[in-house]
PDB file of N, CA and C in Angstrom:
ATOM      1  N   MET A   1       0.845  -1.175   0.000  1.00  0.00           N
ATOM      2  CA  MET A   1       0.000   0.000   0.000  1.00  0.00           C
ATOM      3  C   MET A   1       0.891   1.240   0.000  1.00  0.00           C
ATOM      4  N   ASP A   2       0.510   2.207  -0.817  1.00  0.00           N
ATOM      5  CA  ASP A   2       1.180   3.504  -0.853  1.00  0.00           C
ATOM      6  C   ASP A   2       0.161   4.584  -0.513  1.00  0.00           C
ATOM      7  N   ILE A   3       0.606   5.564   0.276  1.00  0.00           N
ATOM      8  CA  ILE A   3      -0.265   6.677   0.654  1.00  0.00           C
ATOM      9  C   ILE A   3       0.416   7.971   0.235  1.00  0.00           C
ATOM     10  N   THR A   4      -0.321   8.797  -0.489  1.00  0.00           N
ATOM     11  CA  THR A   4       0.160  10.110  -0.891  1.00  0.00           C
ATOM     12  C   THR A   4      -0.671  11.155  -0.169  1.00  0.00           C
ATOM     13  N   LYS A   5      -0.003  12.110   0.501  1.00  0.00           N
ATOM     14  CA  LYS A   5      -0.686  13.182   1.223  1.00  0.00           C
ATOM     15  C   LYS A   5      -0.705  14.438   0.375  1.00  0.00           C
ATOM     16  N   ASN A   6      -1.851  15.117   0.400  1.00  0.00           N
ATOM     17  CA  ASN A   6      -1.960  16.384  -0.294  1.00  0.00           C
ATOM     18  C   ASN A   6      -2.785  17.350   0.554  1.00  0.00           C
ATOM     19  N   PHE A   7      -2.152  18.431   0.990  1.00  0.00           N
ATOM     20  CA  PHE A   7      -2.852  19.467   1.745  1.00  0.00           C
ATOM     21  C   PHE A   7      -3.298  20.561   0.790  1.00  0.00           C
ATOM     22  N   ASN A   8      -4.578  20.928   0.875  1.00  0.00           N
ATOM     23  CA  ASN A   8      -5.124  22.064   0.146  1.00  0.00           C
ATOM     24  C   ASN A   8      -5.752  22.960   1.193  1.00  0.00           C
ATOM     25  N   GLU A   9      -4.991  23.990   1.611  1.00  0.00           N
ATOM     26  CA  GLU A   9      -5.391  24.806   2.761  1.00  0.00           C
ATOM     27  C   GLU A   9      -5.478  23.894   3.977  1.00  0.00           C
ATOM     28  N   LYS A  10      -6.680  23.749   4.552  1.00  0.00           N
ATOM     29  CA  LYS A  10      -6.858  22.900   5.739  1.00  0.00           C
ATOM     30  C   LYS A  10      -7.573  21.590   5.399  1.00  0.00           C
ATOM     31  N   GLU A  11      -7.592  21.237   4.106  1.00  0.00           N
ATOM     32  CA  GLU A  11      -8.200  19.985   3.674  1.00  0.00           C
ATOM     33  C   GLU A  11      -7.088  18.999   3.332  1.00  0.00           C
ATOM     34  N   LEU A  12      -7.124  17.838   3.967  1.00  0.00           N
ATOM     35  CA  LEU A  12      -6.124  16.802   3.715  1.00  0.00           C
ATOM     36  C   LEU A  12      -6.743  15.700   2.867  1.00  0.00           C
ATOM     37  N   THR A  13      -6.084  15.399   1.758  1.00  0.00           N
ATOM     38  CA  THR A  13      -6.481  14.261   0.932  1.00  0.00           C
ATOM     39  C   THR A  13      -5.386  13.206   1.029  1.00  0.00           C
ATOM     40  N   LEU A  14      -5.788  12.009   1.411  1.00  0.00           N
ATOM     41  CA  LEU A  14      -4.884  10.863   1.404  1.00  0.00           C
ATOM     42  C   LEU A  14      -5.305   9.960   0.252  1.00  0.00           C
ATOM     43  N   SER A  15      -4.434   9.809  -0.722  1.00  0.00           N
ATOM     44  CA  SER A  15      -4.682   8.905  -1.842  1.00  0.00           C
ATOM     45  C   SER A  15      -4.033   7.571  -1.513  1.00  0.00           C
ATOM     46  N   VAL A  16      -4.847   6.534  -1.504  1.00  0.00           N
ATOM     47  CA  VAL A  16      -4.378   5.212  -1.097  1.00  0.00           C
ATOM     48  C   VAL A  16      -4.323   4.305  -2.323  1.00  0.00           C
ATOM     49  N   LYS A  17      -3.175   3.676  -2.519  1.00  0.00           N
ATOM     50  CA  LYS A  17      -2.961   2.782  -3.665  1.00  0.00           C
ATOM     51  C   LYS A  17      -2.641   1.383  -3.154  1.00  0.00           C
ATOM     52  N   GLY A  18      -3.264   0.388  -3.755  1.00  0.00           N
ATOM     53  CA  GLY A  18      -2.959  -1.000  -3.394  1.00  0.00           C
ATOM     54  C   GLY A  18      -4.058  -1.628  -2.557  1.00  0.00           C
ATOM     55  N   ARG A  19      -3.648  -2.196  -1.413  1.00  0.00           N
ATOM     56  CA  ARG A  19      -4.564  -2.945  -0.559  1.00  0.00           C
ATOM     57  C   ARG A  19      -4.481  -2.453   0.884  1.00  0.00           C
ATOM     58  N   ILE A  20      -5.642  -2.325   1.514  1.00  0.00           N
ATOM     59  CA  ILE A  20      -5.679  -2.063   2.949  1.00  0.00           C
ATOM     60  C   ILE A  20      -6.116  -3.379   3.589  1.00  0.00           C
ATOM     61  N   ASP A  21      -5.172  -4.038   4.268  1.00  0.00           N
ATOM     62  CA  ASP A  21      -5.453  -5.331   4.882  1.00  0.00           C
ATOM     63  C   ASP A  21      -4.939  -5.328   6.321  1.00  0.00           C
ATOM     64  N   THR A  22      -4.855  -6.496   6.907  1.00  0.00           N
ATOM     65  CA  THR A  22      -4.444  -6.615   8.306  1.00  0.00           C
ATOM     66  C   THR A  22      -3.084  -5.965   8.554  1.00  0.00           C
ATOM     67  N   ILE A  23      -2.174  -6.119   7.627  1.00  0.00           N
ATOM     68  CA  ILE A  23      -0.819  -5.582   7.793  1.00  0.00           C
ATOM     69  C   ILE A  23      -0.786  -4.086   7.512  1.00  0.00           C
ATOM     70  N   THR A  24      -1.363  -3.645   6.408  1.00  0.00           N
ATOM     71  CA  THR A  24      -1.239  -2.249   5.991  1.00  0.00           C
ATOM     72  C   THR A  24      -2.217  -1.309   6.692  1.00  0.00           C
ATOM     73  N   SER A  25      -3.273  -1.834   7.282  1.00  0.00           N
ATOM     74  CA  SER A  25      -4.255  -0.957   7.941  1.00  0.00           C
ATOM     75  C   SER A  25      -3.616  -0.149   9.072  1.00  0.00           C
ATOM     76  N   LYS A  26      -2.626  -0.731   9.722  1.00  0.00           N
ATOM     77  CA  LYS A  26      -1.925  -0.017  10.799  1.00  0.00           C
ATOM     78  C   LYS A  26      -1.210   1.221  10.265  1.00  0.00           C
ATOM     79  N   ASP A  27      -0.670   1.121   9.049  1.00  0.00           N
ATOM     80  CA  ASP A  27       0.021   2.251   8.429  1.00  0.00           C
ATOM     81  C   ASP A  27      -0.958   3.379   8.099  1.00  0.00           C
ATOM     82  N   LEU A  28      -2.128   3.008   7.578  1.00  0.00           N
ATOM     83  CA  LEU A  28      -3.144   4.015   7.279  1.00  0.00           C
ATOM     84  C   LEU A  28      -3.608   4.695   8.557  1.00  0.00           C
ATOM     85  N   ASP A  29      -3.855   3.918   9.591  1.00  0.00           N
ATOM     86  CA  ASP A  29      -4.284   4.467  10.875  1.00  0.00           C
ATOM     87  C   ASP A  29      -3.242   5.453  11.408  1.00  0.00           C
ATOM     88  N   LYS A  30      -1.977   5.096  11.311  1.00  0.00           N
ATOM     89  CA  LYS A  30      -0.898   5.969  11.793  1.00  0.00           C
ATOM     90  C   LYS A  30      -0.833   7.258  10.976  1.00  0.00           C
ATOM     91  N   GLU A  31      -0.946   7.157   9.657  1.00  0.00           N
ATOM     92  CA  GLU A  31      -0.921   8.353   8.797  1.00  0.00           C
ATOM     93  C   GLU A  31      -2.037   9.324   9.182  1.00  0.00           C
ATOM     94  N   ILE A  32      -3.227   8.800   9.400  1.00  0.00           N
ATOM     95  CA  ILE A  32      -4.358   9.646   9.768  1.00  0.00           C
ATOM     96  C   ILE A  32      -4.147  10.252  11.148  1.00  0.00           C
ATOM     97  N   ASN A  33      -3.800   9.426  12.112  1.00  0.00           N
ATOM     98  CA  ASN A  33      -3.625   9.915  13.490  1.00  0.00           C
ATOM     99  C   ASN A  33      -2.492  10.923  13.604  1.00  0.00           C
ATOM    100  N   ASP A  34      -1.434  10.756  12.814  1.00  0.00           N
ATOM    101  CA  ASP A  34      -0.317  11.703  12.839  1.00  0.00           C
ATOM    102  C   ASP A  34      -0.728  13.090  12.361  1.00  0.00           C
ATOM    103  N   GLU A  35      -1.767  13.162  11.535  1.00  0.00           N
ATOM    104  CA  GLU A  35      -2.193  14.446  10.956  1.00  0.00           C
ATOM    105  C   GLU A  35      -3.380  15.074  11.682  1.00  0.00           C
ATOM    106  N   ILE A  36      -4.024  14.339  12.594  1.00  0.00           N
ATOM    107  CA  ILE A  36      -5.177  14.907  13.305  1.00  0.00           C
ATOM    108  C   ILE A  36      -4.737  16.176  14.027  1.00  0.00           C
ATOM    109  N   GLY A  37      -5.518  17.220  13.838  1.00  0.00           N
ATOM    110  CA  GLY A  37      -5.174  18.528  14.378  1.00  0.00           C
ATOM    111  C   GLY A  37      -4.579  19.438  13.319  1.00  0.00           C
ATOM    112  N   ASN A  38      -4.151  18.857  12.199  1.00  0.00           N
ATOM    113  CA  ASN A  38      -3.551  19.633  11.113  1.00  0.00           C
ATOM    114  C   ASN A  38      -4.510  19.885   9.960  1.00  0.00           C
ATOM    115  N   PHE A  39      -5.737  19.361  10.044  1.00  0.00           N
ATOM    116  CA  PHE A  39      -6.703  19.535   8.954  1.00  0.00           C
ATOM    117  C   PHE A  39      -8.092  19.812   9.515  1.00  0.00           C
ATOM    118  N   GLU A  40      -8.907  20.438   8.645  1.00  0.00           N
ATOM    119  CA  GLU A  40     -10.294  20.732   9.004  1.00  0.00           C
ATOM    120  C   GLU A  40     -11.271  19.871   8.227  1.00  0.00           C
ATOM    121  N   SER A  41     -10.765  19.125   7.258  1.00  0.00           N
ATOM    122  CA  SER A  41     -11.570  18.109   6.562  1.00  0.00           C
ATOM    123  C   SER A  41     -10.617  17.059   5.997  1.00  0.00           C
ATOM    124  N   LEU A  42     -11.126  15.827   5.914  1.00  0.00           N
ATOM    125  CA  LEU A  42     -10.313  14.695   5.463  1.00  0.00           C
ATOM    126  C   LEU A  42     -11.015  13.990   4.317  1.00  0.00           C
ATOM    127  N   ILE A  43     -10.258  13.791   3.242  1.00  0.00           N
ATOM    128  CA  ILE A  43     -10.743  13.020   2.096  1.00  0.00           C
ATOM    129  C   ILE A  43      -9.812  11.831   1.911  1.00  0.00           C
ATOM    130  N   LEU A  44     -10.399  10.659   1.782  1.00  0.00           N
ATOM    131  CA  LEU A  44      -9.633   9.478   1.382  1.00  0.00           C
ATOM    132  C   LEU A  44      -9.976   9.212  -0.076  1.00  0.00           C
ATOM    133  N   ASP A  45      -8.976   9.269  -0.935  1.00  0.00           N
ATOM    134  CA  ASP A  45      -9.160   9.018  -2.359  1.00  0.00           C
ATOM    135  C   ASP A  45      -8.767   7.567  -2.639  1.00  0.00           C
ATOM    136  N   PHE A  46      -9.773   6.777  -3.016  1.00  0.00           N
ATOM    137  CA  PHE A  46      -9.555   5.349  -3.238  1.00  0.00           C
ATOM    138  C   PHE A  46      -9.511   4.996  -4.728  1.00  0.00           C
ATOM    139  N   THR A  47      -9.118   5.951  -5.577  1.00  0.00           N
ATOM    140  CA  THR A  47      -9.034   5.699  -7.018  1.00  0.00           C
ATOM    141  C   THR A  47      -8.207   4.452  -7.316  1.00  0.00           C
ATOM    142  N   ASP A  48      -7.079   4.295  -6.633  1.00  0.00           N
ATOM    143  CA  ASP A  48      -6.162   3.188  -6.910  1.00  0.00           C
ATOM    144  C   ASP A  48      -6.195   2.104  -5.834  1.00  0.00           C
ATOM    145  N   LEU A  49      -7.270   2.086  -5.026  1.00  0.00           N
ATOM    146  CA  LEU A  49      -7.395   1.049  -4.004  1.00  0.00           C
ATOM    147  C   LEU A  49      -8.001  -0.197  -4.638  1.00  0.00           C
ATOM    148  N   GLU A  50      -7.338  -1.344  -4.432  1.00  0.00           N
ATOM    149  CA  GLU A  50      -7.781  -2.599  -5.028  1.00  0.00           C
ATOM    150  C   GLU A  50      -8.633  -3.432  -4.078  1.00  0.00           C
ATOM    151  N   TYR A  51      -8.392  -3.278  -2.764  1.00  0.00           N
ATOM    152  CA  TYR A  51      -9.046  -4.158  -1.787  1.00  0.00           C
ATOM    153  C   TYR A  51      -8.993  -3.516  -0.413  1.00  0.00           C
ATOM    154  N   ILE A  52     -10.038  -3.762   0.383  1.00  0.00           N
ATOM    155  CA  ILE A  52     -10.030  -3.350   1.782  1.00  0.00           C
ATOM    156  C   ILE A  52     -10.590  -4.499   2.614  1.00  0.00           C
ATOM    157  N   SER A  53      -9.883  -4.855   3.685  1.00  0.00           N
ATOM    158  CA  SER A  53     -10.304  -5.949   4.566  1.00  0.00           C
ATOM    159  C   SER A  53     -11.088  -5.383   5.746  1.00  0.00           C
ATOM    160  N   SER A  54     -11.535  -6.269   6.614  1.00  0.00           N
ATOM    161  CA  SER A  54     -12.256  -5.832   7.823  1.00  0.00           C
ATOM    162  C   SER A  54     -11.354  -4.966   8.701  1.00  0.00           C
ATOM    163  N   ALA A  55     -10.048  -5.234   8.695  1.00  0.00           N
ATOM    164  CA  ALA A  55      -9.115  -4.400   9.468  1.00  0.00           C
ATOM    165  C   ALA A  55      -9.107  -2.975   8.911  1.00  0.00           C
ATOM    166  N   GLY A  56      -9.159  -2.842   7.610  1.00  0.00           N
ATOM    167  CA  GLY A  56      -9.228  -1.523   6.983  1.00  0.00           C
ATOM    168  C   GLY A  56     -10.534  -0.827   7.290  1.00  0.00           C
ATOM    169  N   LEU A  57     -11.626  -1.582   7.282  1.00  0.00           N
ATOM    170  CA  LEU A  57     -12.935  -1.005   7.619  1.00  0.00           C
ATOM    171  C   LEU A  57     -12.938  -0.483   9.050  1.00  0.00           C
ATOM    172  N   ARG A  58     -12.276  -1.201   9.940  1.00  0.00           N
ATOM    173  CA  ARG A  58     -12.193  -0.747  11.341  1.00  0.00           C
ATOM    174  C   ARG A  58     -11.463   0.589  11.445  1.00  0.00           C
ATOM    175  N   VAL A  59     -10.419   0.773  10.645  1.00  0.00           N
ATOM    176  CA  VAL A  59      -9.689   2.050  10.644  1.00  0.00           C
ATOM    177  C   VAL A  59     -10.622   3.176  10.199  1.00  0.00           C
ATOM    178  N   LEU A  60     -11.437   2.915   9.184  1.00  0.00           N
ATOM    179  CA  LEU A  60     -12.352   3.952   8.689  1.00  0.00           C
ATOM    180  C   LEU A  60     -13.386   4.331   9.745  1.00  0.00           C
ATOM    181  N   ILE A  61     -13.944   3.343  10.429  1.00  0.00           N
ATOM    182  CA  ILE A  61     -14.932   3.625  11.479  1.00  0.00           C
ATOM    183  C   ILE A  61     -14.274   4.353  12.647  1.00  0.00           C
ATOM    184  N   ALA A  62     -13.093   3.914  13.040  1.00  0.00           N
ATOM    185  CA  ALA A  62     -12.371   4.575  14.138  1.00  0.00           C
ATOM    186  C   ALA A  62     -12.074   6.029  13.777  1.00  0.00           C
ATOM    187  N   THR A  63     -11.705   6.276  12.530  1.00  0.00           N
ATOM    188  CA  THR A  63     -11.428   7.641  12.076  1.00  0.00           C
ATOM    189  C   THR A  63     -12.692   8.482  12.155  1.00  0.00           C
ATOM    190  N   GLN A  64     -13.791   7.932  11.683  1.00  0.00           N
ATOM    191  CA  GLN A  64     -15.055   8.670  11.736  1.00  0.00           C
ATOM    192  C   GLN A  64     -15.430   9.011  13.181  1.00  0.00           C
ATOM    193  N   LYS A  65     -15.236   8.065  14.078  1.00  0.00           N
ATOM    194  CA  LYS A  65     -15.569   8.295  15.492  1.00  0.00           C
ATOM    195  C   LYS A  65     -14.697   9.380  16.110  1.00  0.00           C
ATOM    196  N   LYS A  66     -13.440   9.476  15.672  1.00  0.00           N
ATOM    197  CA  LYS A  66     -12.541  10.515  16.187  1.00  0.00           C
ATOM    198  C   LYS A  66     -12.911  11.900  15.650  1.00  0.00           C
ATOM    199  N   LEU A  67     -13.322  11.959  14.395  1.00  0.00           N
ATOM    200  CA  LEU A  67     -13.558  13.246  13.738  1.00  0.00           C
ATOM    201  C   LEU A  67     -14.957  13.804  13.984  1.00  0.00           C
ATOM    202  N   LYS A  68     -15.923  12.924  14.182  1.00  0.00           N
ATOM    203  CA  LYS A  68     -17.313  13.370  14.316  1.00  0.00           C
ATOM    204  C   LYS A  68     -17.534  14.343  15.481  1.00  0.00           C
ATOM    205  N   PRO A  69     -17.012  14.088  16.694  1.00  0.00           N
ATOM    206  CA  PRO A  69     -17.241  15.035  17.800  1.00  0.00           C
ATOM    207  C   PRO A  69     -16.687  16.436  17.517  1.00  0.00           C
ATOM    208  N   GLU A  70     -15.681  16.520  16.650  1.00  0.00           N
ATOM    209  CA  GLU A  70     -15.081  17.807  16.295  1.00  0.00           C
ATOM    210  C   GLU A  70     -15.746  18.424  15.063  1.00  0.00           C
ATOM    211  N   ASN A  71     -16.779  17.739  14.528  1.00  0.00           N
ATOM    212  CA  ASN A  71     -17.476  18.180  13.306  1.00  0.00           C
ATOM    213  C   ASN A  71     -16.524  18.364  12.127  1.00  0.00           C
ATOM    214  N   ILE A  72     -15.562  17.466  12.027  1.00  0.00           N
ATOM    215  CA  ILE A  72     -14.607  17.491  10.910  1.00  0.00           C
ATOM    216  C   ILE A  72     -15.147  16.583   9.803  1.00  0.00           C
ATOM    217  N   PRO A  73     -15.418  17.158   8.618  1.00  0.00           N
ATOM    218  CA  PRO A  73     -15.927  16.343   7.514  1.00  0.00           C
ATOM    219  C   PRO A  73     -14.935  15.245   7.112  1.00  0.00           C
ATOM    220  N   PHE A  74     -15.490  14.063   6.820  1.00  0.00           N
ATOM    221  CA  PHE A  74     -14.702  12.888   6.428  1.00  0.00           C
ATOM    222  C   PHE A  74     -15.420  12.229   5.259  1.00  0.00           C
ATOM    223  N   VAL A  75     -14.761  12.234   4.090  1.00  0.00           N
ATOM    224  CA  VAL A  75     -15.375  11.723   2.870  1.00  0.00           C
ATOM    225  C   VAL A  75     -14.433  10.726   2.207  1.00  0.00           C
ATOM    226  N   ILE A  76     -15.033   9.671   1.663  1.00  0.00           N
ATOM    227  CA  ILE A  76     -14.284   8.685   0.874  1.00  0.00           C
ATOM    228  C   ILE A  76     -14.724   8.873  -0.578  1.00  0.00           C
ATOM    229  N   LYS A  77     -13.749   9.041  -1.474  1.00  0.00           N
ATOM    230  CA  LYS A  77     -14.066   9.328  -2.873  1.00  0.00           C
ATOM    231  C   LYS A  77     -13.428   8.315  -3.809  1.00  0.00           C
ATOM    232  N   ASN A  78     -14.014   8.235  -5.011  1.00  0.00           N
ATOM    233  CA  ASN A  78     -13.460   7.461  -6.126  1.00  0.00           C
ATOM    234  C   ASN A  78     -13.288   5.988  -5.785  1.00  0.00           C
ATOM    235  N   VAL A  79     -14.343   5.392  -5.281  1.00  0.00           N
ATOM    236  CA  VAL A  79     -14.320   3.979  -4.903  1.00  0.00           C
ATOM    237  C   VAL A  79     -14.686   3.136  -6.122  1.00  0.00           C
ATOM    238  N   ASP A  80     -13.859   2.140  -6.440  1.00  0.00           N
ATOM    239  CA  ASP A  80     -14.182   1.285  -7.585  1.00  0.00           C
ATOM    240  C   ASP A  80     -15.250   0.258  -7.203  1.00  0.00           C
ATOM    241  N   ASP A  81     -15.732  -0.461  -8.199  1.00  0.00           N
ATOM    242  CA  ASP A  81     -16.868  -1.367  -7.990  1.00  0.00           C
ATOM    243  C   ASP A  81     -16.586  -2.465  -6.978  1.00  0.00           C
ATOM    244  N   SER A  82     -15.380  -3.049  -7.005  1.00  0.00           N
ATOM    245  CA  SER A  82     -15.090  -4.163  -6.097  1.00  0.00           C
ATOM    246  C   SER A  82     -15.016  -3.690  -4.642  1.00  0.00           C
ATOM    247  N   VAL A  83     -14.407  -2.545  -4.408  1.00  0.00           N
ATOM    248  CA  VAL A  83     -14.333  -2.005  -3.046  1.00  0.00           C
ATOM    249  C   VAL A  83     -15.711  -1.519  -2.615  1.00  0.00           C
ATOM    250  N   ASN A  84     -16.452  -0.927  -3.536  1.00  0.00           N
ATOM    251  CA  ASN A  84     -17.804  -0.471  -3.225  1.00  0.00           C
ATOM    252  C   ASN A  84     -18.692  -1.648  -2.822  1.00  0.00           C
ATOM    253  N   GLU A  85     -18.476  -2.781  -3.434  1.00  0.00           N
ATOM    254  CA  GLU A  85     -19.246  -3.985  -3.084  1.00  0.00           C
ATOM    255  C   GLU A  85     -18.935  -4.424  -1.652  1.00  0.00           C
ATOM    256  N   ILE A  86     -17.689  -4.295  -1.230  1.00  0.00           N
ATOM    257  CA  ILE A  86     -17.312  -4.612   0.160  1.00  0.00           C
ATOM    258  C   ILE A  86     -18.030  -3.662   1.115  1.00  0.00           C
ATOM    259  N   PHE A  87     -18.057  -2.360   0.762  1.00  0.00           N
ATOM    260  CA  PHE A  87     -18.783  -1.390   1.593  1.00  0.00           C
ATOM    261  C   PHE A  87     -20.276  -1.746   1.665  1.00  0.00           C
ATOM    262  N   ARG A  88     -20.841  -2.113   0.518  1.00  0.00           N
ATOM    263  CA  ARG A  88     -22.273  -2.434   0.473  1.00  0.00           C
ATOM    264  C   ARG A  88     -22.587  -3.687   1.279  1.00  0.00           C
ATOM    265  N   MET A  89     -21.790  -4.738   1.106  1.00  0.00           N
ATOM    266  CA  MET A  89     -22.051  -6.005   1.801  1.00  0.00           C
ATOM    267  C   MET A  89     -21.883  -5.874   3.307  1.00  0.00           C
ATOM    268  N   SER A  90     -20.976  -5.002   3.734  1.00  0.00           N
ATOM    269  CA  SER A  90     -20.731  -4.815   5.167  1.00  0.00           C
ATOM    270  C   SER A  90     -21.679  -3.789   5.783  1.00  0.00           C
ATOM    271  N   GLY A  91     -22.412  -3.057   4.937  1.00  0.00           N
ATOM    272  CA  GLY A  91     -23.303  -2.015   5.424  1.00  0.00           C
ATOM    273  C   GLY A  91     -22.587  -0.697   5.686  1.00  0.00           C
ATOM    274  N   PHE A  92     -21.311  -0.642   5.403  1.00  0.00           N
ATOM    275  CA  PHE A  92     -20.534   0.573   5.661  1.00  0.00           C
ATOM    276  C   PHE A  92     -20.927   1.707   4.720  1.00  0.00           C
ATOM    277  N   ASN A  93     -21.555   1.364   3.592  1.00  0.00           N
ATOM    278  CA  ASN A  93     -22.024   2.417   2.679  1.00  0.00           C
ATOM    279  C   ASN A  93     -23.127   3.256   3.319  1.00  0.00           C
ATOM    280  N   LYS A  94     -23.752   2.734   4.363  1.00  0.00           N
ATOM    281  CA  LYS A  94     -24.793   3.478   5.081  1.00  0.00           C
ATOM    282  C   LYS A  94     -24.240   4.246   6.262  1.00  0.00           C
ATOM    283  N   ILE A  95     -23.009   3.930   6.664  1.00  0.00           N
ATOM    284  CA  ILE A  95     -22.388   4.544   7.845  1.00  0.00           C
ATOM    285  C   ILE A  95     -21.418   5.653   7.438  1.00  0.00           C
ATOM    286  N   LEU A  96     -20.645   5.393   6.374  1.00  0.00           N
ATOM    287  CA  LEU A  96     -19.616   6.329   5.927  1.00  0.00           C
ATOM    288  C   LEU A  96     -20.131   7.189   4.765  1.00  0.00           C
ATOM    289  N   LYS A  97     -19.564   8.367   4.614  1.00  0.00           N
ATOM    290  CA  LYS A  97     -19.912   9.218   3.476  1.00  0.00           C
ATOM    291  C   LYS A  97     -19.008   8.838   2.318  1.00  0.00           C
ATOM    292  N   ILE A  98     -19.619   8.237   1.302  1.00  0.00           N
ATOM    293  CA  ILE A  98     -18.870   7.760   0.137  1.00  0.00           C
ATOM    294  C   ILE A  98     -19.414   8.474  -1.091  1.00  0.00           C
ATOM    295  N   GLU A  99     -18.513   9.132  -1.805  1.00  0.00           N
ATOM    296  CA  GLU A  99     -18.923   9.858  -3.024  1.00  0.00           C
ATOM    297  C   GLU A  99     -18.280   9.251  -4.254  1.00  0.00           C
TER     298      GLU A  99
END
């Protein structure tokens, strides 16, 4: 998994390439947690994401729980069909904001 950070004013976009699984989910969690306090909105760009496991889904829910009390917008964008199917089957498409 590769993560590219892009700050646009106070909006942070993390572009994730590859797979978010049991091993790599810890890296994504660390990248997000290291930047908390440095952004006013967070976008995860999944254009090049091939797969997300339950460990990756847990990172997304944990991130949402951290940001929601601060009213920090959190959006997931550019999800391909296979990853979108994982969100749909797990019900996460109803919990997370996916565009």
